[in-house]
Structures are given as structure tokens and as C-alpha cells.
C-alpha atoms as a PDB file:
ATOM      1  CA  MET A   1      -3.391   1.236  16.366  1.00  0.00           C
ATOM      2  CA  GLN A   2      -4.030   0.238  12.768  1.00  0.00           C
ATOM      3  CA  GLU A   3      -2.578  -2.721  10.889  1.00  0.00           C
ATOM      4  CA  TYR A   4      -2.417  -3.206   7.139  1.00  0.00           C
ATOM      5  CA  TYR A   5      -1.358  -6.371   5.318  1.00  0.00           C
ATOM      6  CA  PHE A   6      -0.066  -6.398   1.751  1.00  0.00           C
ATOM      7  CA  TYR A   7       2.187  -8.220  -0.699  1.00  0.00           C
ATOM      8  CA  LEU A   8       5.219  -6.432  -2.086  1.00  0.00           C
ATOM      9  CA  THR A   9       7.440  -7.707  -4.896  1.00  0.00           C
ATOM     10  CA  LEU A  10      10.211  -5.538  -6.329  1.00  0.00           C
ATOM     11  CA  THR A  11      13.273  -6.544  -8.317  1.00  0.00           C
ATOM     12  CA  TYR A  12      16.680  -5.452  -7.087  1.00  0.00           C
ATOM     13  CA  GLU A  13      16.814  -2.897  -9.893  1.00  0.00           C
ATOM     14  CA  GLN A  14      13.467  -1.449  -8.808  1.00  0.00           C
ATOM     15  CA  CYS A  15      14.756  -1.244  -5.234  1.00  0.00           C
ATOM     16  CA  LEU A  16      17.828   0.764  -6.141  1.00  0.00           C
ATOM     17  CA  ALA A  17      15.872   3.994  -6.410  1.00  0.00           C
ATOM     18  CA  TYR A  18      14.338   3.370  -2.971  1.00  0.00           C
ATOM     19  CA  TYR A  19      17.568   2.150  -1.429  1.00  0.00           C
ATOM     20  CA  GLU A  20      19.609   5.080  -2.724  1.00  0.00           C
ATOM     21  CA  GLY A  21      17.052   7.586  -1.471  1.00  0.00           C
ATOM     22  CA  GLU A  22      15.916   8.805  -4.887  1.00  0.00           C
ATOM     23  CA  VAL A  23      12.325   7.851  -4.127  1.00  0.00           C
ATOM     24  CA  GLU A  24      10.832   9.002  -0.846  1.00  0.00           C
ATOM     25  CA  HIS A  25       7.657   6.896  -0.561  1.00  0.00           C
ATOM     26  CA  ILE A  26       6.287   3.501  -1.460  1.00  0.00           C
ATOM     27  CA  GLN A  27       2.634   3.102  -2.283  1.00  0.00           C
ATOM     28  CA  VAL A  28       0.865  -0.240  -1.939  1.00  0.00           C
ATOM     29  CA  ILE A  29      -2.696  -1.502  -1.953  1.00  0.00           C
ATOM     30  CA  GLU A  30      -3.465  -3.359   1.234  1.00  0.00           C
ATOM     31  CA  ASP A  31      -5.651  -6.471   1.358  1.00  0.00           C
ATOM     32  CA  GLY A  32      -8.835  -4.458   1.919  1.00  0.00           C
ATOM     33  CA  GLY A  33      -8.233  -2.345  -1.205  1.00  0.00           C
ATOM     34  CA  LYS A  34      -7.030   0.793   0.555  1.00  0.00           C
ATOM     35  CA  ARG A  35      -4.070   2.638  -0.946  1.00  0.00           C
ATOM     36  CA  ILE A  36      -1.310   3.108   1.646  1.00  0.00           C
ATOM     37  CA  ARG A  37       1.832   5.243   1.310  1.00  0.00           C
ATOM     38  CA  PHE A  38       4.812   5.057   3.649  1.00  0.00           C
ATOM     39  CA  PRO A  39       8.447   6.249   3.683  1.00  0.00           C
ATOM     40  CA  ALA A  40      10.676   4.125   1.427  1.00  0.00           C
ATOM     41  CA  GLN A  41      13.431   4.030   4.038  1.00  0.00           C
ATOM     42  CA  HIS A  42      11.444   1.362   5.875  1.00  0.00           C
ATOM     43  CA  ILE A  43      11.966  -1.294   3.182  1.00  0.00           C
ATOM     44  CA  ARG A  44      15.757  -0.974   3.131  1.00  0.00           C
ATOM     45  CA  ARG A  45      16.315  -3.742   5.654  1.00  0.00           C
ATOM     46  CA  PHE A  46      14.273  -6.150   3.480  1.00  0.00           C
ATOM     47  CA  VAL A  47      16.232  -5.595   0.251  1.00  0.00           C
ATOM     48  CA  SER A  48      18.330  -8.571  -0.828  1.00  0.00           C
ATOM     49  CA  THR A  49      20.250  -9.390  -3.993  1.00  0.00           C
ATOM     50  CA  ILE A  50      16.961 -10.400  -5.629  1.00  0.00           C
ATOM     51  CA  GLY A  51      14.993  -7.384  -4.371  1.00  0.00           C
ATOM     52  CA  VAL A  52      12.025  -7.480  -2.020  1.00  0.00           C
ATOM     53  CA  SER A  53       9.366 -10.151  -2.032  1.00  0.00           C
ATOM     54  CA  GLY A  54       6.814 -11.223   0.533  1.00  0.00           C
ATOM     55  CA  ARG A  55       3.837 -10.389   2.650  1.00  0.00           C
ATOM     56  CA  PHE A  56       4.163  -7.498   5.065  1.00  0.00           C
ATOM     57  CA  ARG A  57       2.345  -5.941   7.992  1.00  0.00           C
ATOM     58  CA  LEU A  58       2.433  -2.173   8.434  1.00  0.00           C
ATOM     59  CA  GLN A  59       1.498  -0.804  11.843  1.00  0.00           C
ATOM     60  CA  LEU A  60       0.436   2.812  12.321  1.00  0.00           C
ATOM     61  CA  ASP A  61      -0.665   4.660  15.429  1.00  0.00           C
ATOM     62  CA  ASP A  62      -4.065   6.344  15.721  1.00  0.00           C
ATOM     63  CA  ASN A  63      -2.608   9.485  14.083  1.00  0.00           C
ATOM     64  CA  ASN A  64      -1.354   7.437  11.083  1.00  0.00           C
ATOM     65  CA  ARG A  65       2.257   7.698  12.212  1.00  0.00           C
ATOM     66  CA  PHE A  66       4.603   4.823  11.443  1.00  0.00           C
ATOM     67  CA  ILE A  67       5.165   2.251  14.190  1.00  0.00           C
ATOM     68  CA  ALA A  68       6.584  -0.783  12.405  1.00  0.00           C
ATOM     69  CA  LEU A  69       6.912  -2.686   9.157  1.00  0.00           C
ATOM     70  CA  GLU A  70       7.561  -6.398   9.346  1.00  0.00           C
ATOM     71  CA  LYS A  71       7.703  -9.279   6.948  1.00  0.00           C
ATOM     72  CA  VAL A  72       5.162 -11.914   7.914  1.00  0.00           C
ATOM     73  CA  THR A  73       5.926 -14.550   5.246  1.00  0.00           C
END
């Protein structure tokens, strides 16, 4: 299993495209400098009236398949 930590800050307006399904993936740079891309549907539960803000942990299996995304702070 692989874990990646990153900060993500998006305004509500920026989230609309993700939330409405117009954008399929989100790309972030994790703490080690690696560029990571994952399906946008996984941030939907973190969207509030102000958008998304915080530190997250992305877990992938050994074949780089999604396991979990959780907010850690």
C-alpha cells in the first residue's frame, strides 16, 4: 500500500466543476514532490459552502488503485 499526503485548497466556485462531474480528475503535488492524479468524485464529500481546504491522505494499493482519501487536518 502507498500513502501520499498533500494540501488541497479550492474555493466553492472551483469545486463546482468537480462536484457537477464536469472535471474527471484532480491533480495534486504530494509532500515529496510527486504529481498525483485521482478521480474527482472522491473530493465530493469534503466540499462545503467555502470549498475544500485541508491536508489529506490518499491511499493506493500496490497497483495504484484507489483505496481511500481522508482529511487529516
